[in-house]
């Protein structure tokens, strides 16, 4: 899975499962120079998600990335 596809899936997860507003996501996406892995931490650092939500995102990423690795 390409980074772009992974990013799209993450954004869908954030919006559909965690109800993160599109405006919050857009704020973090204004930093394209940062690595993809920084995305959840920036949401938390800016106060846009709780620590519980951050933990759920990391769980989702871990599960998502491990599924992708099995396809190789």
PDB file of N, CA and C in Angstrom:
ATOM      1  N   UNK A   1       0.851  -1.180   0.000  1.00  0.00           N
ATOM      2  CA  UNK A   1       0.000   0.000   0.000  1.00  0.00           C
ATOM      3  C   UNK A   1       0.891   1.236   0.000  1.00  0.00           C
ATOM      4  N   UNK A   2       0.578   2.163  -0.852  1.00  0.00           N
ATOM      5  CA  UNK A   2       1.385   3.376  -0.953  1.00  0.00           C
ATOM      6  C   UNK A   2       1.106   4.299   0.241  1.00  0.00           C
ATOM      7  N   UNK A   3       2.044   5.189   0.547  1.00  0.00           N
ATOM      8  CA  UNK A   3       1.811   6.142   1.642  1.00  0.00           C
ATOM      9  C   UNK A   3       0.556   6.980   1.438  1.00  0.00           C
ATOM     10  N   UNK A   4       0.263   7.319   0.199  1.00  0.00           N
ATOM     11  CA  UNK A   4      -0.934   8.105  -0.090  1.00  0.00           C
ATOM     12  C   UNK A   4      -2.205   7.323   0.248  1.00  0.00           C
ATOM     13  N   UNK A   5      -2.225   6.049  -0.113  1.00  0.00           N
ATOM     14  CA  UNK A   5      -3.385   5.212   0.213  1.00  0.00           C
ATOM     15  C   UNK A   5      -3.529   5.040   1.718  1.00  0.00           C
ATOM     16  N   UNK A   6      -2.405   4.836   2.393  1.00  0.00           N
ATOM     17  CA  UNK A   6      -2.419   4.681   3.851  1.00  0.00           C
ATOM     18  C   UNK A   6      -2.926   5.959   4.512  1.00  0.00           C
ATOM     19  N   UNK A   7      -2.493   7.096   4.016  1.00  0.00           N
ATOM     20  CA  UNK A   7      -2.936   8.382   4.552  1.00  0.00           C
ATOM     21  C   UNK A   7      -4.441   8.549   4.374  1.00  0.00           C
ATOM     22  N   UNK A   8      -4.957   8.195   3.208  1.00  0.00           N
ATOM     23  CA  UNK A   8      -6.399   8.301   2.964  1.00  0.00           C
ATOM     24  C   UNK A   8      -7.189   7.407   3.915  1.00  0.00           C
ATOM     25  N   UNK A   9      -6.683   6.201   4.152  1.00  0.00           N
ATOM     26  CA  UNK A   9      -7.363   5.291   5.077  1.00  0.00           C
ATOM     27  C   UNK A   9      -7.313   5.827   6.503  1.00  0.00           C
ATOM     28  N   UNK A  10      -6.185   6.412   6.882  1.00  0.00           N
ATOM     29  CA  UNK A  10      -6.079   6.999   8.209  1.00  0.00           C
ATOM     30  C   UNK A  10      -7.069   8.142   8.371  1.00  0.00           C
ATOM     31  N   UNK A  11      -7.166   9.003   7.388  1.00  0.00           N
ATOM     32  CA  UNK A  11      -8.104  10.129   7.463  1.00  0.00           C
ATOM     33  C   UNK A  11      -9.538   9.613   7.588  1.00  0.00           C
ATOM     34  N   UNK A  12      -9.887   8.589   6.818  1.00  0.00           N
ATOM     35  CA  UNK A  12     -11.236   7.998   6.934  1.00  0.00           C
ATOM     36  C   UNK A  12     -11.472   7.452   8.337  1.00  0.00           C
ATOM     37  N   UNK A  13     -10.475   6.765   8.880  1.00  0.00           N
ATOM     38  CA  UNK A  13     -10.593   6.236  10.241  1.00  0.00           C
ATOM     39  C   UNK A  13     -10.805   7.377  11.238  1.00  0.00           C
ATOM     40  N   UNK A  14     -10.010   8.427  11.115  1.00  0.00           N
ATOM     41  CA  UNK A  14     -10.137   9.562  12.032  1.00  0.00           C
ATOM     42  C   UNK A  14     -11.520  10.183  11.975  1.00  0.00           C
ATOM     43  N   UNK A  15     -12.047  10.340  10.785  1.00  0.00           N
ATOM     44  CA  UNK A  15     -13.347  10.984  10.625  1.00  0.00           C
ATOM     45  C   UNK A  15     -14.506  10.054  11.001  1.00  0.00           C
ATOM     46  N   UNK A  16     -14.447   8.814  10.554  1.00  0.00           N
ATOM     47  CA  UNK A  16     -15.581   7.908  10.747  1.00  0.00           C
ATOM     48  C   UNK A  16     -15.606   7.252  12.121  1.00  0.00           C
ATOM     49  N   UNK A  17     -14.450   6.832  12.611  1.00  0.00           N
ATOM     50  CA  UNK A  17     -14.404   6.091  13.870  1.00  0.00           C
ATOM     51  C   UNK A  17     -14.202   6.987  15.093  1.00  0.00           C
ATOM     52  N   UNK A  18     -13.412   8.046  14.939  1.00  0.00           N
ATOM     53  CA  UNK A  18     -13.103   8.910  16.075  1.00  0.00           C
ATOM     54  C   UNK A  18     -13.801  10.267  15.999  1.00  0.00           C
ATOM     55  N   UNK A  19     -14.514  10.507  14.918  1.00  0.00           N
ATOM     56  CA  UNK A  19     -15.259  11.768  14.736  1.00  0.00           C
ATOM     57  C   UNK A  19     -14.380  13.012  14.860  1.00  0.00           C
ATOM     58  N   UNK A  20     -13.177  12.927  14.298  1.00  0.00           N
ATOM     59  CA  UNK A  20     -12.274  14.079  14.281  1.00  0.00           C
ATOM     60  C   UNK A  20     -12.747  15.014  13.162  1.00  0.00           C
ATOM     61  N   UNK A  21     -12.977  16.270  13.457  1.00  0.00           N
ATOM     62  CA  UNK A  21     -13.445  17.195  12.428  1.00  0.00           C
ATOM     63  C   UNK A  21     -12.443  17.354  11.277  1.00  0.00           C
ATOM     64  N   UNK A  22     -12.971  17.530  10.093  1.00  0.00           N
ATOM     65  CA  UNK A  22     -12.134  17.722   8.905  1.00  0.00           C
ATOM     66  C   UNK A  22     -11.210  18.917   9.068  1.00  0.00           C
ATOM     67  N   UNK A  23     -11.658  19.947   9.772  1.00  0.00           N
ATOM     68  CA  UNK A  23     -10.837  21.139   9.983  1.00  0.00           C
ATOM     69  C   UNK A  23      -9.590  20.812  10.806  1.00  0.00           C
ATOM     70  N   UNK A  24      -9.736  19.936  11.782  1.00  0.00           N
ATOM     71  CA  UNK A  24      -8.591  19.533  12.605  1.00  0.00           C
ATOM     72  C   UNK A  24      -7.579  18.762  11.772  1.00  0.00           C
ATOM     73  N   UNK A  25      -8.077  17.872  10.943  1.00  0.00           N
ATOM     74  CA  UNK A  25      -7.204  17.079  10.076  1.00  0.00           C
ATOM     75  C   UNK A  25      -6.491  17.988   9.087  1.00  0.00           C
ATOM     76  N   UNK A  26      -7.233  18.932   8.522  1.00  0.00           N
ATOM     77  CA  UNK A  26      -6.651  19.858   7.541  1.00  0.00           C
ATOM     78  C   UNK A  26      -5.540  20.697   8.166  1.00  0.00           C
ATOM     79  N   UNK A  27      -5.704  21.072   9.419  1.00  0.00           N
ATOM     80  CA  UNK A  27      -4.678  21.864  10.103  1.00  0.00           C
ATOM     81  C   UNK A  27      -3.350  21.110  10.135  1.00  0.00           C
ATOM     82  N   UNK A  28      -3.396  19.834  10.449  1.00  0.00           N
ATOM     83  CA  UNK A  28      -2.181  19.028  10.529  1.00  0.00           C
ATOM     84  C   UNK A  28      -1.633  18.734   9.138  1.00  0.00           C
ATOM     85  N   UNK A  29      -2.509  18.590   8.157  1.00  0.00           N
ATOM     86  CA  UNK A  29      -2.069  18.297   6.791  1.00  0.00           C
ATOM     87  C   UNK A  29      -1.359  19.479   6.146  1.00  0.00           C
ATOM     88  N   UNK A  30      -1.363  20.625   6.775  1.00  0.00           N
ATOM     89  CA  UNK A  30      -0.649  21.798   6.251  1.00  0.00           C
ATOM     90  C   UNK A  30       0.856  21.672   6.444  1.00  0.00           C
ATOM     91  N   UNK A  31       1.279  20.584   7.042  1.00  0.00           N
ATOM     92  CA  UNK A  31       2.698  20.344   7.298  1.00  0.00           C
ATOM     93  C   UNK A  31       3.172  19.137   6.494  1.00  0.00           C
ATOM     94  N   UNK A  32       3.157  19.236   5.168  1.00  0.00           N
ATOM     95  CA  UNK A  32       3.527  18.074   4.337  1.00  0.00           C
ATOM     96  C   UNK A  32       5.005  17.691   4.452  1.00  0.00           C
ATOM     97  N   UNK A  33       5.815  18.577   5.000  1.00  0.00           N
ATOM     98  CA  UNK A  33       7.232  18.275   5.138  1.00  0.00           C
ATOM     99  C   UNK A  33       7.499  17.274   6.265  1.00  0.00           C
ATOM    100  N   UNK A  34       6.529  17.114   7.140  1.00  0.00           N
ATOM    101  CA  UNK A  34       6.701  16.196   8.260  1.00  0.00           C
ATOM    102  C   UNK A  34       6.398  14.765   7.837  1.00  0.00           C
ATOM    103  N   UNK A  35       7.068  13.805   8.456  1.00  0.00           N
ATOM    104  CA  UNK A  35       6.806  12.412   8.083  1.00  0.00           C
ATOM    105  C   UNK A  35       5.392  11.998   8.456  1.00  0.00           C
ATOM    106  N   UNK A  36       4.883  11.042   7.701  1.00  0.00           N
ATOM    107  CA  UNK A  36       3.534  10.517   7.911  1.00  0.00           C
ATOM    108  C   UNK A  36       3.333  10.064   9.351  1.00  0.00           C
ATOM    109  N   UNK A  37       4.360   9.493   9.937  1.00  0.00           N
ATOM    110  CA  UNK A  37       4.257   8.966  11.293  1.00  0.00           C
ATOM    111  C   UNK A  37       4.022  10.061  12.334  1.00  0.00           C
ATOM    112  N   UNK A  38       4.308  11.308  11.987  1.00  0.00           N
ATOM    113  CA  UNK A  38       4.102  12.425  12.914  1.00  0.00           C
ATOM    114  C   UNK A  38       2.656  12.892  12.976  1.00  0.00           C
ATOM    115  N   UNK A  39       1.861  12.489  12.017  1.00  0.00           N
ATOM    116  CA  UNK A  39       0.484  12.961  11.904  1.00  0.00           C
ATOM    117  C   UNK A  39      -0.310  12.793  13.204  1.00  0.00           C
ATOM    118  N   UNK A  40      -0.378  11.595  13.790  1.00  0.00           N
ATOM    119  CA  UNK A  40      -1.148  11.441  15.033  1.00  0.00           C
ATOM    120  C   UNK A  40      -0.582  12.269  16.190  1.00  0.00           C
ATOM    121  N   UNK A  41       0.732  12.345  16.276  1.00  0.00           N
ATOM    122  CA  UNK A  41       1.344  13.113  17.363  1.00  0.00           C
ATOM    123  C   UNK A  41       1.029  14.601  17.237  1.00  0.00           C
ATOM    124  N   UNK A  42       0.995  15.107  16.024  1.00  0.00           N
ATOM    125  CA  UNK A  42       0.646  16.522  15.830  1.00  0.00           C
ATOM    126  C   UNK A  42      -0.800  16.789  16.242  1.00  0.00           C
ATOM    127  N   UNK A  43      -1.702  15.880  15.903  1.00  0.00           N
ATOM    128  CA  UNK A  43      -3.097  16.042  16.326  1.00  0.00           C
ATOM    129  C   UNK A  43      -3.169  16.162  17.854  1.00  0.00           C
ATOM    130  N   UNK A  44      -2.418  15.298  18.533  1.00  0.00           N
ATOM    131  CA  UNK A  44      -2.432  15.305  19.992  1.00  0.00           C
ATOM    132  C   UNK A  44      -1.741  16.552  20.547  1.00  0.00           C
ATOM    133  N   UNK A  45      -0.592  16.880  19.983  1.00  0.00           N
ATOM    134  CA  UNK A  45       0.170  18.036  20.472  1.00  0.00           C
ATOM    135  C   UNK A  45      -0.615  19.338  20.328  1.00  0.00           C
ATOM    136  N   UNK A  46      -1.383  19.450  19.249  1.00  0.00           N
ATOM    137  CA  UNK A  46      -2.201  20.650  19.052  1.00  0.00           C
ATOM    138  C   UNK A  46      -3.486  20.617  19.877  1.00  0.00           C
ATOM    139  N   UNK A  47      -3.699  19.555  20.636  1.00  0.00           N
ATOM    140  CA  UNK A  47      -4.898  19.463  21.475  1.00  0.00           C
ATOM    141  C   UNK A  47      -6.150  19.111  20.696  1.00  0.00           C
ATOM    142  N   UNK A  48      -5.983  18.507  19.526  1.00  0.00           N
ATOM    143  CA  UNK A  48      -7.127  18.193  18.667  1.00  0.00           C
ATOM    144  C   UNK A  48      -7.708  16.808  18.940  1.00  0.00           C
ATOM    145  N   UNK A  49      -6.939  15.968  19.658  1.00  0.00           N
ATOM    146  CA  UNK A  49      -7.409  14.661  20.068  1.00  0.00           C
ATOM    147  C   UNK A  49      -6.936  14.399  21.496  1.00  0.00           C
ATOM    148  N   UNK A  50      -7.603  13.464  22.144  1.00  0.00           N
ATOM    149  CA  UNK A  50      -7.222  13.091  23.504  1.00  0.00           C
ATOM    150  C   UNK A  50      -6.141  12.003  23.459  1.00  0.00           C
ATOM    151  N   UNK A  51      -5.553  11.726  24.600  1.00  0.00           N
ATOM    152  CA  UNK A  51      -4.550  10.672  24.688  1.00  0.00           C
ATOM    153  C   UNK A  51      -5.200   9.311  24.393  1.00  0.00           C
ATOM    154  N   UNK A  52      -6.450   9.144  24.769  1.00  0.00           N
ATOM    155  CA  UNK A  52      -7.180   7.902  24.470  1.00  0.00           C
ATOM    156  C   UNK A  52      -7.351   7.734  22.971  1.00  0.00           C
ATOM    157  N   UNK A  53      -7.699   8.816  22.288  1.00  0.00           N
ATOM    158  CA  UNK A  53      -7.836   8.761  20.831  1.00  0.00           C
ATOM    159  C   UNK A  53      -6.485   8.484  20.180  1.00  0.00           C
ATOM    160  N   UNK A  54      -5.432   9.086  20.707  1.00  0.00           N
ATOM    161  CA  UNK A  54      -4.092   8.841  20.174  1.00  0.00           C
ATOM    162  C   UNK A  54      -3.740   7.360  20.284  1.00  0.00           C
ATOM    163  N   UNK A  55      -4.051   6.764  21.405  1.00  0.00           N
ATOM    164  CA  UNK A  55      -3.797   5.339  21.603  1.00  0.00           C
ATOM    165  C   UNK A  55      -4.582   4.501  20.593  1.00  0.00           C
ATOM    166  N   UNK A  56      -5.828   4.866  20.337  1.00  0.00           N
ATOM    167  CA  UNK A  56      -6.640   4.148  19.345  1.00  0.00           C
ATOM    168  C   UNK A  56      -6.046   4.284  17.942  1.00  0.00           C
ATOM    169  N   UNK A  57      -5.523   5.453  17.635  1.00  0.00           N
ATOM    170  CA  UNK A  57      -4.903   5.668  16.321  1.00  0.00           C
ATOM    171  C   UNK A  57      -3.665   4.788  16.181  1.00  0.00           C
ATOM    172  N   UNK A  58      -2.844   4.743  17.223  1.00  0.00           N
ATOM    173  CA  UNK A  58      -1.651   3.899  17.161  1.00  0.00           C
ATOM    174  C   UNK A  58      -2.018   2.426  17.031  1.00  0.00           C
ATOM    175  N   UNK A  59      -3.059   1.999  17.736  1.00  0.00           N
ATOM    176  CA  UNK A  59      -3.528   0.615  17.589  1.00  0.00           C
ATOM    177  C   UNK A  59      -3.976   0.346  16.163  1.00  0.00           C
ATOM    178  N   UNK A  60      -4.727   1.291  15.597  1.00  0.00           N
ATOM    179  CA  UNK A  60      -5.214   1.128  14.219  1.00  0.00           C
ATOM    180  C   UNK A  60      -4.036   1.084  13.248  1.00  0.00           C
ATOM    181  N   UNK A  61      -3.078   1.982  13.423  1.00  0.00           N
ATOM    182  CA  UNK A  61      -1.913   2.003  12.543  1.00  0.00           C
ATOM    183  C   UNK A  61      -1.129   0.705  12.642  1.00  0.00           C
ATOM    184  N   UNK A  62      -0.937   0.216  13.861  1.00  0.00           N
ATOM    185  CA  UNK A  62      -0.208  -1.027  14.051  1.00  0.00           C
ATOM    186  C   UNK A  62      -0.916  -2.181  13.345  1.00  0.00           C
ATOM    187  N   UNK A  63      -2.215  -2.257  13.520  1.00  0.00           N
ATOM    188  CA  UNK A  63      -3.004  -3.309  12.880  1.00  0.00           C
ATOM    189  C   UNK A  63      -2.986  -3.154  11.363  1.00  0.00           C
ATOM    190  N   UNK A  64      -3.150  -1.942  10.902  1.00  0.00           N
ATOM    191  CA  UNK A  64      -3.184  -1.668   9.461  1.00  0.00           C
ATOM    192  C   UNK A  64      -1.850  -1.981   8.793  1.00  0.00           C
ATOM    193  N   UNK A  65      -0.764  -1.569   9.428  1.00  0.00           N
ATOM    194  CA  UNK A  65       0.558  -1.805   8.852  1.00  0.00           C
ATOM    195  C   UNK A  65       0.935  -3.280   8.894  1.00  0.00           C
ATOM    196  N   UNK A  66       0.519  -3.987   9.933  1.00  0.00           N
ATOM    197  CA  UNK A  66       0.843  -5.410  10.003  1.00  0.00           C
ATOM    198  C   UNK A  66       0.063  -6.191   8.949  1.00  0.00           C
ATOM    199  N   UNK A  67      -1.160  -5.772   8.652  1.00  0.00           N
ATOM    200  CA  UNK A  67      -1.932  -6.410   7.573  1.00  0.00           C
ATOM    201  C   UNK A  67      -1.265  -6.151   6.238  1.00  0.00           C
ATOM    202  N   UNK A  68      -0.779  -4.943   6.016  1.00  0.00           N
ATOM    203  CA  UNK A  68      -0.119  -4.605   4.756  1.00  0.00           C
ATOM    204  C   UNK A  68       1.163  -5.411   4.572  1.00  0.00           C
ATOM    205  N   UNK A  69       1.900  -5.612   5.647  1.00  0.00           N
ATOM    206  CA  UNK A  69       3.158  -6.341   5.570  1.00  0.00           C
ATOM    207  C   UNK A  69       2.935  -7.803   5.206  1.00  0.00           C
ATOM    208  N   UNK A  70       1.805  -8.366   5.583  1.00  0.00           N
ATOM    209  CA  UNK A  70       1.501  -9.756   5.275  1.00  0.00           C
ATOM    210  C   UNK A  70       1.254  -9.975   3.792  1.00  0.00           C
ATOM    211  N   UNK A  71       0.952  -8.910   3.062  1.00  0.00           N
ATOM    212  CA  UNK A  71       0.653  -9.018   1.636  1.00  0.00           C
ATOM    213  C   UNK A  71       1.910  -9.028   0.787  1.00  0.00           C
ATOM    214  N   UNK A  72       3.077  -8.798   1.405  1.00  0.00           N
ATOM    215  CA  UNK A  72       4.334  -8.750   0.648  1.00  0.00           C
ATOM    216  C   UNK A  72       5.029 -10.079   0.680  1.00  0.00           C
TER     217      UNK A  72
END
